[in-house]
């Protein structure tokens, strides 16, 4: 074990692909099962026994700092460093250099993993001789992530979101262990075509120079990159953790087991809230409405008799009385790119 364990958590990104949900909040503050993505990450770090966290913040950072403060509520100590310009994940890690002088962990602030991934990477780094360690897992859509090839317990290659067929089904799970030598490797990392300095490129350099240990991980790995991911990841997290109904449910209202209703949320008479649904603060489901596998952000409203499935209802938005969104799969175009067979109602 480290004498003092520090986790650097990257939470500076704007998450433009999740617009409009990120127009006024950083991506790590998007709620999953009524808790920000970043809070799930901090919970995993704390549960793994890591008690010092450096949060790298940037876009709309006040929302993060107001929520997490000094970390007392999570039994950790939180310090903040600011990435004024979002110049990539390697650049973000470099901002933490003044705060780490021993082997440390790096996590993405917008990817939910289980505490075992954090603990196993920490232990692998301290027990081995490699320059770095990295959690790897399997995915049924590896081309959406950093694809890695592994031989024995070593990472041989890493390719971020390959344009052609992925070389394997094994991906980077987004939990790293580094020694302070990584800062020199970051200095020598070439910028990508968009001018940003990316951590997978630095890892590639470490593979060539000193070796990177692969830490196999078979737990959950949940990333919210597109709007429909928010629905799917909320469903997955509720399946893992179960639900909690803290708000009001009127007579005749039904709320499924895998649902969360915030303390100030409400469900009207004879309404049905089915599995995989999160109802946020001050959000309301009207009488006789049906809501299934959907996310209602704070102050959202689904009016009487409406039926919605596989939906994200933004903060303060209203679904009118007797409206119907049938849900299921659809073809969705985002920034000119077609995504087929996406499960998103609206």
C-alpha atoms as a PDB file:
ATOM      1  CA  UNK A   1       0.000   0.000   0.000  1.00  0.00           C
ATOM      2  CA  UNK A   2       1.071   3.617  -0.486  1.00  0.00           C
ATOM      3  CA  UNK A   3       1.904   5.495   2.687  1.00  0.00           C
ATOM      4  CA  UNK A   4      -0.312   8.226   1.329  1.00  0.00           C
ATOM      5  CA  UNK A   5      -2.710   7.526  -1.506  1.00  0.00           C
ATOM      6  CA  UNK A   6      -3.774  10.305  -3.849  1.00  0.00           C
ATOM      7  CA  UNK A   7      -6.317   9.990  -6.627  1.00  0.00           C
ATOM      8  CA  UNK A   8      -6.318  12.619  -9.362  1.00  0.00           C
ATOM      9  CA  UNK A   9      -9.824  12.824 -10.815  1.00  0.00           C
ATOM     10  CA  UNK A  10     -10.313  14.574 -14.164  1.00  0.00           C
ATOM     11  CA  UNK A  11     -13.431  16.731 -14.072  1.00  0.00           C
ATOM     12  CA  UNK A  12     -12.661  19.741 -16.264  1.00  0.00           C
ATOM     13  CA  UNK A  13     -14.503  18.770 -19.446  1.00  0.00           C
ATOM     14  CA  UNK A  14     -17.545  20.512 -20.879  1.00  0.00           C
ATOM     15  CA  UNK A  15     -19.190  17.438 -22.454  1.00  0.00           C
ATOM     16  CA  UNK A  16     -20.421  19.217 -25.572  1.00  0.00           C
ATOM     17  CA  UNK A  17     -21.781  15.982 -27.072  1.00  0.00           C
ATOM     18  CA  UNK A  18     -24.317  15.978 -24.233  1.00  0.00           C
ATOM     19  CA  UNK A  19     -25.691  19.407 -25.058  1.00  0.00           C
ATOM     20  CA  UNK A  20     -28.121  20.809 -23.990  1.00  0.00           C
ATOM     21  CA  UNK A  21     -27.713  19.002 -20.647  1.00  0.00           C
ATOM     22  CA  UNK A  22     -24.225  20.471 -20.305  1.00  0.00           C
ATOM     23  CA  UNK A  23     -25.054  24.027 -21.335  1.00  0.00           C
ATOM     24  CA  UNK A  24     -24.936  25.130 -17.680  1.00  0.00           C
ATOM     25  CA  UNK A  25     -23.264  22.194 -15.953  1.00  0.00           C
ATOM     26  CA  UNK A  26     -19.997  20.311 -16.463  1.00  0.00           C
ATOM     27  CA  UNK A  27     -20.378  16.776 -17.750  1.00  0.00           C
ATOM     28  CA  UNK A  28     -19.288  15.182 -14.431  1.00  0.00           C
ATOM     29  CA  UNK A  29     -22.255  16.875 -12.735  1.00  0.00           C
ATOM     30  CA  UNK A  30     -24.890  15.182 -14.903  1.00  0.00           C
ATOM     31  CA  UNK A  31     -27.034  13.148 -12.510  1.00  0.00           C
ATOM     32  CA  UNK A  32     -27.199   9.365 -12.710  1.00  0.00           C
ATOM     33  CA  UNK A  33     -29.822   7.898 -10.356  1.00  0.00           C
ATOM     34  CA  UNK A  34     -30.049  11.399  -8.823  1.00  0.00           C
ATOM     35  CA  UNK A  35     -26.322  11.610  -8.010  1.00  0.00           C
ATOM     36  CA  UNK A  36     -23.762  13.400 -10.190  1.00  0.00           C
ATOM     37  CA  UNK A  37     -21.481  11.148 -12.213  1.00  0.00           C
ATOM     38  CA  UNK A  38     -18.558  12.596 -10.272  1.00  0.00           C
ATOM     39  CA  UNK A  39     -20.133  11.633  -6.957  1.00  0.00           C
ATOM     40  CA  UNK A  40     -20.267   7.994  -8.072  1.00  0.00           C
ATOM     41  CA  UNK A  41     -16.539   8.245  -8.850  1.00  0.00           C
ATOM     42  CA  UNK A  42     -15.712   9.827  -5.500  1.00  0.00           C
ATOM     43  CA  UNK A  43     -17.758   7.136  -3.735  1.00  0.00           C
ATOM     44  CA  UNK A  44     -15.714   4.434  -5.487  1.00  0.00           C
ATOM     45  CA  UNK A  45     -12.430   6.110  -4.570  1.00  0.00           C
ATOM     46  CA  UNK A  46     -13.458   6.516  -0.935  1.00  0.00           C
ATOM     47  CA  UNK A  47     -14.804   2.956  -0.685  1.00  0.00           C
ATOM     48  CA  UNK A  48     -11.458   1.691  -2.024  1.00  0.00           C
ATOM     49  CA  UNK A  49      -9.713   3.281   0.946  1.00  0.00           C
ATOM     50  CA  UNK A  50      -8.211   6.222  -0.927  1.00  0.00           C
ATOM     51  CA  UNK A  51      -8.535   9.317   1.209  1.00  0.00           C
ATOM     52  CA  UNK A  52      -6.830  12.109  -0.736  1.00  0.00           C
ATOM     53  CA  UNK A  53      -8.345  13.425  -3.958  1.00  0.00           C
ATOM     54  CA  UNK A  54      -7.161  16.126  -6.337  1.00  0.00           C
ATOM     55  CA  UNK A  55     -10.003  17.285  -8.566  1.00  0.00           C
ATOM     56  CA  UNK A  56      -8.916  18.840 -11.849  1.00  0.00           C
ATOM     57  CA  UNK A  57     -11.713  21.272 -12.682  1.00  0.00           C
ATOM     58  CA  UNK A  58     -12.385  23.781 -15.419  1.00  0.00           C
ATOM     59  CA  UNK A  59     -15.722  24.332 -17.191  1.00  0.00           C
ATOM     60  CA  UNK A  60     -18.399  25.539 -14.727  1.00  0.00           C
ATOM     61  CA  UNK A  61     -16.085  24.507 -11.893  1.00  0.00           C
ATOM     62  CA  UNK A  62     -18.073  26.408  -9.256  1.00  0.00           C
ATOM     63  CA  UNK A  63     -20.821  23.791  -9.448  1.00  0.00           C
ATOM     64  CA  UNK A  64     -18.333  21.053  -8.605  1.00  0.00           C
ATOM     65  CA  UNK A  65     -16.625  22.964  -5.812  1.00  0.00           C
ATOM     66  CA  UNK A  66     -19.925  23.978  -4.244  1.00  0.00           C
ATOM     67  CA  UNK A  67     -21.158  20.386  -4.244  1.00  0.00           C
ATOM     68  CA  UNK A  68     -18.060  18.627  -2.914  1.00  0.00           C
ATOM     69  CA  UNK A  69     -16.297  21.283  -0.862  1.00  0.00           C
ATOM     70  CA  UNK A  70     -13.394  19.862   1.123  1.00  0.00           C
ATOM     71  CA  UNK A  71     -14.673  16.269   0.852  1.00  0.00           C
ATOM     72  CA  UNK A  72     -15.668  15.763   4.497  1.00  0.00           C
ATOM     73  CA  UNK A  73     -19.030  14.249   3.554  1.00  0.00           C
ATOM     74  CA  UNK A  74     -17.189  11.468   1.688  1.00  0.00           C
ATOM     75  CA  UNK A  75     -14.478  10.927   4.346  1.00  0.00           C
ATOM     76  CA  UNK A  76     -11.807  12.221   1.979  1.00  0.00           C
ATOM     77  CA  UNK A  77      -9.728  15.361   1.615  1.00  0.00           C
ATOM     78  CA  UNK A  78     -10.352  17.179  -1.671  1.00  0.00           C
ATOM     79  CA  UNK A  79      -8.026  19.730  -3.221  1.00  0.00           C
ATOM     80  CA  UNK A  80      -8.710  21.532  -6.493  1.00  0.00           C
ATOM     81  CA  UNK A  81      -6.530  22.492  -9.424  1.00  0.00           C
ATOM     82  CA  UNK A  82      -7.815  24.392 -12.427  1.00  0.00           C
ATOM     83  CA  UNK A  83      -7.285  23.470 -16.070  1.00  0.00           C
ATOM     84  CA  UNK A  84      -7.965  26.901 -17.556  1.00  0.00           C
ATOM     85  CA  UNK A  85      -7.832  25.615 -21.133  1.00  0.00           C
ATOM     86  CA  UNK A  86      -9.142  22.145 -21.941  1.00  0.00           C
ATOM     87  CA  UNK A  87      -6.090  20.847 -23.809  1.00  0.00           C
ATOM     88  CA  UNK A  88      -6.667  17.140 -23.274  1.00  0.00           C
ATOM     89  CA  UNK A  89      -6.507  14.562 -20.517  1.00  0.00           C
ATOM     90  CA  UNK A  90      -2.703  14.389 -20.325  1.00  0.00           C
ATOM     91  CA  UNK A  91      -2.595  18.167 -19.968  1.00  0.00           C
ATOM     92  CA  UNK A  92      -5.204  17.853 -17.196  1.00  0.00           C
ATOM     93  CA  UNK A  93      -3.050  15.353 -15.281  1.00  0.00           C
ATOM     94  CA  UNK A  94      -0.062  17.679 -15.603  1.00  0.00           C
ATOM     95  CA  UNK A  95      -1.936  20.364 -13.664  1.00  0.00           C
ATOM     96  CA  UNK A  96      -1.845  18.113 -10.586  1.00  0.00           C
ATOM     97  CA  UNK A  97       1.959  17.783 -10.520  1.00  0.00           C
ATOM     98  CA  UNK A  98       2.470  20.200  -7.579  1.00  0.00           C
ATOM     99  CA  UNK A  99       0.176  18.038  -5.441  1.00  0.00           C
ATOM    100  CA  UNK A 100       1.695  14.583  -5.950  1.00  0.00           C
ATOM    101  CA  UNK A 101       5.179  13.401  -5.014  1.00  0.00           C
ATOM    102  CA  UNK A 102       4.569   9.647  -4.852  1.00  0.00           C
ATOM    103  CA  UNK A 103       2.792   7.004  -6.965  1.00  0.00           C
ATOM    104  CA  UNK A 104      -0.808   8.115  -7.577  1.00  0.00           C
ATOM    105  CA  UNK A 105      -4.033   7.143  -9.293  1.00  0.00           C
ATOM    106  CA  UNK A 106      -5.860   8.860 -12.138  1.00  0.00           C
ATOM    107  CA  UNK A 107      -9.574   8.414 -12.856  1.00  0.00           C
ATOM    108  CA  UNK A 108     -12.010   9.942 -15.302  1.00  0.00           C
ATOM    109  CA  UNK A 109     -14.602  11.983 -13.450  1.00  0.00           C
ATOM    110  CA  UNK A 110     -17.356  10.930 -15.845  1.00  0.00           C
ATOM    111  CA  UNK A 111     -16.923   7.142 -15.852  1.00  0.00           C
ATOM    112  CA  UNK A 112     -18.505   5.010 -13.134  1.00  0.00           C
ATOM    113  CA  UNK A 113     -16.421   2.064 -11.935  1.00  0.00           C
ATOM    114  CA  UNK A 114     -16.534  -0.092  -8.840  1.00  0.00           C
ATOM    115  CA  UNK A 115     -14.147   0.327  -5.872  1.00  0.00           C
ATOM    116  CA  UNK A 116     -12.344  -2.904  -6.781  1.00  0.00           C
ATOM    117  CA  UNK A 117     -10.952  -1.300  -9.941  1.00  0.00           C
ATOM    118  CA  UNK A 118      -9.425   1.516  -7.894  1.00  0.00           C
ATOM    119  CA  UNK A 119      -7.993  -0.805  -5.240  1.00  0.00           C
ATOM    120  CA  UNK A 120      -6.598  -3.312  -7.733  1.00  0.00           C
ATOM    121  CA  UNK A 121      -4.768  -0.681  -9.792  1.00  0.00           C
ATOM    122  CA  UNK A 122      -3.318   0.834  -6.628  1.00  0.00           C
ATOM    123  CA  UNK A 123      -2.065  -2.539  -5.453  1.00  0.00           C
ATOM    124  CA  UNK A 124      -0.699  -3.519  -8.875  1.00  0.00           C
ATOM    125  CA  UNK A 125       1.386  -0.364  -9.089  1.00  0.00           C
ATOM    126  CA  UNK A 126       2.945  -0.812  -5.667  1.00  0.00           C
ATOM    127  CA  UNK A 127       3.581  -4.542  -6.069  1.00  0.00           C
ATOM    128  CA  UNK A 128       5.074  -4.488  -9.566  1.00  0.00           C
ATOM    129  CA  UNK A 129       8.004  -3.007 -11.423  1.00  0.00           C
ATOM    130  CA  UNK A 130       6.122  -1.410 -14.335  1.00  0.00           C
ATOM    131  CA  UNK A 131       6.163   2.353 -14.881  1.00  0.00           C
ATOM    132  CA  UNK A 132       2.371   2.418 -14.802  1.00  0.00           C
ATOM    133  CA  UNK A 133      -0.711   0.268 -14.324  1.00  0.00           C
ATOM    134  CA  UNK A 134      -4.069   0.458 -16.051  1.00  0.00           C
ATOM    135  CA  UNK A 135      -7.420  -1.244 -15.557  1.00  0.00           C
ATOM    136  CA  UNK A 136      -8.676  -3.066 -18.646  1.00  0.00           C
ATOM    137  CA  UNK A 137     -12.032  -4.676 -19.284  1.00  0.00           C
ATOM    138  CA  UNK A 138     -14.093  -6.153 -22.107  1.00  0.00           C
ATOM    139  CA  UNK A 139     -16.714  -4.258 -24.070  1.00  0.00           C
ATOM    140  CA  UNK A 140     -19.215  -5.220 -26.749  1.00  0.00           C
ATOM    141  CA  UNK A 141     -18.493  -1.905 -28.519  1.00  0.00           C
ATOM    142  CA  UNK A 142     -14.755  -1.419 -28.080  1.00  0.00           C
ATOM    143  CA  UNK A 143     -14.427   1.067 -30.923  1.00  0.00           C
ATOM    144  CA  UNK A 144     -16.118   3.683 -28.718  1.00  0.00           C
ATOM    145  CA  UNK A 145     -13.225   3.562 -26.244  1.00  0.00           C
ATOM    146  CA  UNK A 146      -9.469   3.137 -26.056  1.00  0.00           C
ATOM    147  CA  UNK A 147      -8.811  -0.356 -27.418  1.00  0.00           C
ATOM    148  CA  UNK A 148      -5.880  -2.232 -25.883  1.00  0.00           C
ATOM    149  CA  UNK A 149      -4.069  -5.443 -26.650  1.00  0.00           C
ATOM    150  CA  UNK A 150      -2.642  -7.373 -23.720  1.00  0.00           C
ATOM    151  CA  UNK A 151       0.014 -10.082 -23.482  1.00  0.00           C
ATOM    152  CA  UNK A 152       0.214 -11.730 -20.086  1.00  0.00           C
ATOM    153  CA  UNK A 153       0.012  -8.923 -17.545  1.00  0.00           C
ATOM    154  CA  UNK A 154       1.346  -6.191 -19.849  1.00  0.00           C
ATOM    155  CA  UNK A 155      -0.398  -3.740 -22.149  1.00  0.00           C
ATOM    156  CA  UNK A 156       1.127  -4.011 -25.619  1.00  0.00           C
ATOM    157  CA  UNK A 157      -0.820  -1.351 -27.528  1.00  0.00           C
ATOM    158  CA  UNK A 158      -3.506   1.266 -26.976  1.00  0.00           C
ATOM    159  CA  UNK A 159      -5.510   2.935 -29.748  1.00  0.00           C
ATOM    160  CA  UNK A 160      -8.102   5.553 -28.865  1.00  0.00           C
ATOM    161  CA  UNK A 161     -11.440   5.043 -30.686  1.00  0.00           C
ATOM    162  CA  UNK A 162      -9.998   3.229 -33.717  1.00  0.00           C
ATOM    163  CA  UNK A 163     -11.430   4.224 -37.088  1.00  0.00           C
ATOM    164  CA  UNK A 164     -11.208   0.690 -38.434  1.00  0.00           C
ATOM    165  CA  UNK A 165     -12.096  -2.643 -36.868  1.00  0.00           C
ATOM    166  CA  UNK A 166     -10.912  -2.852 -33.268  1.00  0.00           C
ATOM    167  CA  UNK A 167      -7.917  -5.119 -32.679  1.00  0.00           C
ATOM    168  CA  UNK A 168      -9.561  -6.633 -29.592  1.00  0.00           C
ATOM    169  CA  UNK A 169     -12.612  -6.416 -27.333  1.00  0.00           C
ATOM    170  CA  UNK A 170     -10.458  -5.230 -24.450  1.00  0.00           C
ATOM    171  CA  UNK A 171     -10.686  -1.537 -23.563  1.00  0.00           C
ATOM    172  CA  UNK A 172      -9.129   0.988 -21.240  1.00  0.00           C
ATOM    173  CA  UNK A 173     -11.402   1.128 -18.159  1.00  0.00           C
ATOM    174  CA  UNK A 174     -10.269   4.642 -17.253  1.00  0.00           C
ATOM    175  CA  UNK A 175      -8.370   3.899 -14.016  1.00  0.00           C
ATOM    176  CA  UNK A 176      -4.598   4.430 -14.086  1.00  0.00           C
ATOM    177  CA  UNK A 177      -1.702   4.201 -11.650  1.00  0.00           C
ATOM    178  CA  UNK A 178       1.400   6.282 -12.291  1.00  0.00           C
ATOM    179  CA  UNK A 179       4.660   7.253 -10.659  1.00  0.00           C
ATOM    180  CA  UNK A 180       5.696  10.928 -10.827  1.00  0.00           C
ATOM    181  CA  UNK A 181       7.817   9.965 -13.840  1.00  0.00           C
ATOM    182  CA  UNK A 182       4.631  10.282 -15.892  1.00  0.00           C
ATOM    183  CA  UNK A 183       4.968  14.063 -15.826  1.00  0.00           C
ATOM    184  CA  UNK A 184       8.155  13.833 -17.860  1.00  0.00           C
ATOM    185  CA  UNK A 185       6.363  11.506 -20.291  1.00  0.00           C
ATOM    186  CA  UNK A 186       3.549  14.045 -20.601  1.00  0.00           C
ATOM    187  CA  UNK A 187       6.097  16.748 -21.431  1.00  0.00           C
ATOM    188  CA  UNK A 188       7.308  14.550 -24.289  1.00  0.00           C
ATOM    189  CA  UNK A 189       3.813  13.642 -25.560  1.00  0.00           C
ATOM    190  CA  UNK A 190       3.005  14.988 -29.013  1.00  0.00           C
ATOM    191  CA  UNK A 191      -0.315  16.810 -29.453  1.00  0.00           C
ATOM    192  CA  UNK A 192      -3.092  15.132 -31.385  1.00  0.00           C
ATOM    193  CA  UNK A 193      -4.458  16.559 -34.628  1.00  0.00           C
ATOM    194  CA  UNK A 194      -6.834  18.780 -32.662  1.00  0.00           C
ATOM    195  CA  UNK A 195      -3.967  20.230 -30.622  1.00  0.00           C
ATOM    196  CA  UNK A 196      -4.845  18.378 -27.416  1.00  0.00           C
ATOM    197  CA  UNK A 197      -2.529  16.218 -25.317  1.00  0.00           C
ATOM    198  CA  UNK A 198      -4.224  12.917 -24.568  1.00  0.00           C
ATOM    199  CA  UNK A 199      -3.416  10.478 -21.788  1.00  0.00           C
ATOM    200  CA  UNK A 200      -3.625   7.362 -24.019  1.00  0.00           C
ATOM    201  CA  UNK A 201      -0.787   8.837 -26.102  1.00  0.00           C
ATOM    202  CA  UNK A 202       1.277   9.255 -22.942  1.00  0.00           C
ATOM    203  CA  UNK A 203       0.441   5.659 -21.965  1.00  0.00           C
ATOM    204  CA  UNK A 204       1.641   4.551 -25.395  1.00  0.00           C
ATOM    205  CA  UNK A 205       4.972   6.249 -24.702  1.00  0.00           C
ATOM    206  CA  UNK A 206       5.199   4.493 -21.307  1.00  0.00           C
ATOM    207  CA  UNK A 207       4.494   1.144 -22.988  1.00  0.00           C
ATOM    208  CA  UNK A 208       7.509   1.698 -25.217  1.00  0.00           C
ATOM    209  CA  UNK A 209       9.787   3.008 -22.493  1.00  0.00           C
ATOM    210  CA  UNK A 210       9.061   1.123 -19.301  1.00  0.00           C
ATOM    211  CA  UNK A 211       5.999  -1.064 -19.585  1.00  0.00           C
ATOM    212  CA  UNK A 212       2.411  -0.708 -18.402  1.00  0.00           C
ATOM    213  CA  UNK A 213       0.839  -3.412 -16.291  1.00  0.00           C
ATOM    214  CA  UNK A 214      -2.664  -4.544 -17.280  1.00  0.00           C
ATOM    215  CA  UNK A 215      -5.067  -4.938 -14.359  1.00  0.00           C
ATOM    216  CA  UNK A 216      -7.996  -7.052 -15.468  1.00  0.00           C
ATOM    217  CA  UNK A 217     -11.355  -5.800 -14.271  1.00  0.00           C
ATOM    218  CA  UNK A 218     -14.719  -7.468 -14.818  1.00  0.00           C
ATOM    219  CA  UNK A 219     -17.002  -5.104 -12.927  1.00  0.00           C
ATOM    220  CA  UNK A 220     -19.252  -2.359 -14.250  1.00  0.00           C
ATOM    221  CA  UNK A 221     -17.799   0.394 -16.411  1.00  0.00           C
ATOM    222  CA  UNK A 222     -20.353   3.059 -17.268  1.00  0.00           C
ATOM    223  CA  UNK A 223     -19.645   6.038 -19.464  1.00  0.00           C
ATOM    224  CA  UNK A 224     -22.108   8.767 -20.441  1.00  0.00           C
ATOM    225  CA  UNK A 225     -21.046  10.206 -23.793  1.00  0.00           C
ATOM    226  CA  UNK A 226     -24.369  10.618 -25.602  1.00  0.00           C
ATOM    227  CA  UNK A 227     -27.868  11.458 -24.424  1.00  0.00           C
ATOM    228  CA  UNK A 228     -29.060   7.879 -24.716  1.00  0.00           C
ATOM    229  CA  UNK A 229     -26.172   6.733 -22.531  1.00  0.00           C
ATOM    230  CA  UNK A 230     -27.720   8.641 -19.648  1.00  0.00           C
ATOM    231  CA  UNK A 231     -30.860   6.517 -19.883  1.00  0.00           C
ATOM    232  CA  UNK A 232     -28.945   3.246 -20.209  1.00  0.00           C
ATOM    233  CA  UNK A 233     -26.422   3.991 -17.453  1.00  0.00           C
ATOM    234  CA  UNK A 234     -29.166   5.115 -15.070  1.00  0.00           C
ATOM    235  CA  UNK A 235     -30.935   1.821 -15.752  1.00  0.00           C
ATOM    236  CA  UNK A 236     -27.716  -0.134 -15.122  1.00  0.00           C
ATOM    237  CA  UNK A 237     -26.899   1.686 -11.885  1.00  0.00           C
ATOM    238  CA  UNK A 238     -30.419   1.193 -10.550  1.00  0.00           C
ATOM    239  CA  UNK A 239     -30.165  -2.482 -11.462  1.00  0.00           C
ATOM    240  CA  UNK A 240     -26.930  -2.673  -9.464  1.00  0.00           C
ATOM    241  CA  UNK A 241     -27.874  -0.537  -6.465  1.00  0.00           C
ATOM    242  CA  UNK A 242     -31.653  -0.744  -6.314  1.00  0.00           C
ATOM    243  CA  UNK A 243     -34.009   2.196  -5.948  1.00  0.00           C
ATOM    244  CA  UNK A 244     -35.184   4.536  -3.224  1.00  0.00           C
ATOM    245  CA  UNK A 245     -38.497   6.366  -3.018  1.00  0.00           C
ATOM    246  CA  UNK A 246     -38.047   9.426  -0.810  1.00  0.00           C
ATOM    247  CA  UNK A 247     -40.586  11.737  -2.411  1.00  0.00           C
ATOM    248  CA  UNK A 248     -44.356  11.737  -2.257  1.00  0.00           C
ATOM    249  CA  UNK A 249     -46.507   9.105  -3.965  1.00  0.00           C
ATOM    250  CA  UNK A 250     -50.234   9.896  -4.124  1.00  0.00           C
ATOM    251  CA  UNK A 251     -52.908   7.219  -3.520  1.00  0.00           C
ATOM    252  CA  UNK A 252     -53.011   4.724  -6.383  1.00  0.00           C
ATOM    253  CA  UNK A 253     -49.563   5.709  -7.617  1.00  0.00           C
ATOM    254  CA  UNK A 254     -47.112   2.889  -8.320  1.00  0.00           C
ATOM    255  CA  UNK A 255     -43.320   3.120  -8.276  1.00  0.00           C
ATOM    256  CA  UNK A 256     -41.195   0.132  -9.328  1.00  0.00           C
ATOM    257  CA  UNK A 257     -38.333  -1.353  -7.326  1.00  0.00           C
ATOM    258  CA  UNK A 258     -35.583  -0.012  -9.606  1.00  0.00           C
ATOM    259  CA  UNK A 259     -36.550   3.638  -9.365  1.00  0.00           C
ATOM    260  CA  UNK A 260     -35.391   6.668  -7.422  1.00  0.00           C
ATOM    261  CA  UNK A 261     -37.639   9.547  -6.443  1.00  0.00           C
ATOM    262  CA  UNK A 262     -35.911  12.554  -4.875  1.00  0.00           C
ATOM    263  CA  UNK A 263     -37.233  13.806  -1.495  1.00  0.00           C
ATOM    264  CA  UNK A 264     -38.899  16.752  -3.228  1.00  0.00           C
ATOM    265  CA  UNK A 265     -40.101  14.723  -6.241  1.00  0.00           C
ATOM    266  CA  UNK A 266     -43.699  13.569  -6.533  1.00  0.00           C
ATOM    267  CA  UNK A 267     -45.841  10.940  -8.244  1.00  0.00           C
ATOM    268  CA  UNK A 268     -49.536  11.672  -8.787  1.00  0.00           C
ATOM    269  CA  UNK A 269     -52.664   9.611  -8.336  1.00  0.00           C
ATOM    270  CA  UNK A 270     -52.797   6.394 -10.347  1.00  0.00           C
ATOM    271  CA  UNK A 271     -49.503   7.232 -12.076  1.00  0.00           C
ATOM    272  CA  UNK A 272     -47.098   4.399 -12.912  1.00  0.00           C
ATOM    273  CA  UNK A 273     -43.336   4.816 -12.646  1.00  0.00           C
ATOM    274  CA  UNK A 274     -41.607   1.705 -13.995  1.00  0.00           C
ATOM    275  CA  UNK A 275     -38.077   0.318 -13.601  1.00  0.00           C
ATOM    276  CA  UNK A 276     -34.990   2.261 -14.617  1.00  0.00           C
ATOM    277  CA  UNK A 277     -36.492   5.676 -13.844  1.00  0.00           C
ATOM    278  CA  UNK A 278     -34.973   8.553 -11.874  1.00  0.00           C
ATOM    279  CA  UNK A 279     -37.157  11.452 -10.743  1.00  0.00           C
ATOM    280  CA  UNK A 280     -35.079  14.441  -9.672  1.00  0.00           C
ATOM    281  CA  UNK A 281     -35.564  17.243  -7.183  1.00  0.00           C
ATOM    282  CA  UNK A 282     -38.933  19.011  -7.532  1.00  0.00           C
ATOM    283  CA  UNK A 283     -39.752  16.897 -10.591  1.00  0.00           C
ATOM    284  CA  UNK A 284     -43.367  15.814 -10.916  1.00  0.00           C
ATOM    285  CA  UNK A 285     -45.258  12.948 -12.540  1.00  0.00           C
ATOM    286  CA  UNK A 286     -48.902  13.906 -12.943  1.00  0.00           C
ATOM    287  CA  UNK A 287     -52.022  11.802 -12.334  1.00  0.00           C
ATOM    288  CA  UNK A 288     -52.540   8.778 -14.596  1.00  0.00           C
ATOM    289  CA  UNK A 289     -49.181   9.327 -16.307  1.00  0.00           C
ATOM    290  CA  UNK A 290     -46.791   6.484 -17.156  1.00  0.00           C
ATOM    291  CA  UNK A 291     -43.028   6.909 -17.019  1.00  0.00           C
ATOM    292  CA  UNK A 292     -40.710   4.010 -17.898  1.00  0.00           C
ATOM    293  CA  UNK A 293     -36.889   3.826 -18.071  1.00  0.00           C
ATOM    294  CA  UNK A 294     -36.568   7.598 -18.152  1.00  0.00           C
ATOM    295  CA  UNK A 295     -34.680  10.383 -16.433  1.00  0.00           C
ATOM    296  CA  UNK A 296     -36.510  13.448 -15.138  1.00  0.00           C
ATOM    297  CA  UNK A 297     -34.042  16.166 -14.218  1.00  0.00           C
ATOM    298  CA  UNK A 298     -34.832  18.710 -11.474  1.00  0.00           C
ATOM    299  CA  UNK A 299     -38.060  20.688 -11.894  1.00  0.00           C
ATOM    300  CA  UNK A 300     -39.184  18.608 -14.878  1.00  0.00           C
ATOM    301  CA  UNK A 301     -42.874  17.818 -15.225  1.00  0.00           C
ATOM    302  CA  UNK A 302     -44.787  15.010 -16.934  1.00  0.00           C
ATOM    303  CA  UNK A 303     -48.415  16.120 -17.044  1.00  0.00           C
ATOM    304  CA  UNK A 304     -51.564  14.094 -16.495  1.00  0.00           C
ATOM    305  CA  UNK A 305     -52.123  11.101 -18.754  1.00  0.00           C
ATOM    306  CA  UNK A 306     -48.794  11.379 -20.581  1.00  0.00           C
ATOM    307  CA  UNK A 307     -46.866   8.218 -21.480  1.00  0.00           C
ATOM    308  CA  UNK A 308     -43.077   8.382 -21.931  1.00  0.00           C
ATOM    309  CA  UNK A 309     -40.484   5.655 -22.311  1.00  0.00           C
ATOM    310  CA  UNK A 310     -36.680   5.807 -22.793  1.00  0.00           C
ATOM    311  CA  UNK A 311     -36.657   9.576 -22.372  1.00  0.00           C
ATOM    312  CA  UNK A 312     -34.538  12.328 -20.879  1.00  0.00           C
ATOM    313  CA  UNK A 313     -36.679  15.234 -19.676  1.00  0.00           C
ATOM    314  CA  UNK A 314     -34.448  18.242 -19.115  1.00  0.00           C
ATOM    315  CA  UNK A 315     -34.441  20.512 -16.082  1.00  0.00           C
ATOM    316  CA  UNK A 316     -37.629  22.561 -16.008  1.00  0.00           C
ATOM    317  CA  UNK A 317     -39.018  20.960 -19.181  1.00  0.00           C
ATOM    318  CA  UNK A 318     -42.671  19.963 -19.462  1.00  0.00           C
ATOM    319  CA  UNK A 319     -44.218  16.961 -21.230  1.00  0.00           C
ATOM    320  CA  UNK A 320     -47.786  17.980 -21.930  1.00  0.00           C
ATOM    321  CA  UNK A 321     -50.953  16.240 -20.818  1.00  0.00           C
ATOM    322  CA  UNK A 322     -51.791  13.051 -22.770  1.00  0.00           C
ATOM    323  CA  UNK A 323     -48.587  13.265 -24.837  1.00  0.00           C
ATOM    324  CA  UNK A 324     -47.084   9.912 -25.840  1.00  0.00           C
ATOM    325  CA  UNK A 325     -43.439   9.022 -26.500  1.00  0.00           C
ATOM    326  CA  UNK A 326     -43.430   5.313 -27.247  1.00  0.00           C
ATOM    327  CA  UNK A 327     -39.684   4.707 -26.757  1.00  0.00           C
ATOM    328  CA  UNK A 328     -37.723   1.820 -28.222  1.00  0.00           C
ATOM    329  CA  UNK A 329     -34.981   1.976 -30.826  1.00  0.00           C
ATOM    330  CA  UNK A 330     -34.429   4.782 -33.285  1.00  0.00           C
ATOM    331  CA  UNK A 331     -31.864   6.197 -35.680  1.00  0.00           C
ATOM    332  CA  UNK A 332     -30.383   9.352 -34.186  1.00  0.00           C
ATOM    333  CA  UNK A 333     -28.160  11.865 -35.964  1.00  0.00           C
ATOM    334  CA  UNK A 334     -25.667  13.782 -33.796  1.00  0.00           C
ATOM    335  CA  UNK A 335     -23.307  16.305 -35.385  1.00  0.00           C
ATOM    336  CA  UNK A 336     -23.833  14.694 -38.781  1.00  0.00           C
ATOM    337  CA  UNK A 337     -23.091  11.163 -37.539  1.00  0.00           C
ATOM    338  CA  UNK A 338     -25.800   8.505 -37.800  1.00  0.00           C
ATOM    339  CA  UNK A 339     -26.288   6.233 -34.787  1.00  0.00           C
ATOM    340  CA  UNK A 340     -28.506   3.280 -35.683  1.00  0.00           C
ATOM    341  CA  UNK A 341     -30.611   1.185 -33.300  1.00  0.00           C
ATOM    342  CA  UNK A 342     -30.251   3.593 -30.408  1.00  0.00           C
ATOM    343  CA  UNK A 343     -32.725   3.066 -27.586  1.00  0.00           C
ATOM    344  CA  UNK A 344     -33.993   6.610 -27.075  1.00  0.00           C
ATOM    345  CA  UNK A 345     -37.531   7.862 -27.062  1.00  0.00           C
ATOM    346  CA  UNK A 346     -36.775  11.544 -26.946  1.00  0.00           C
END
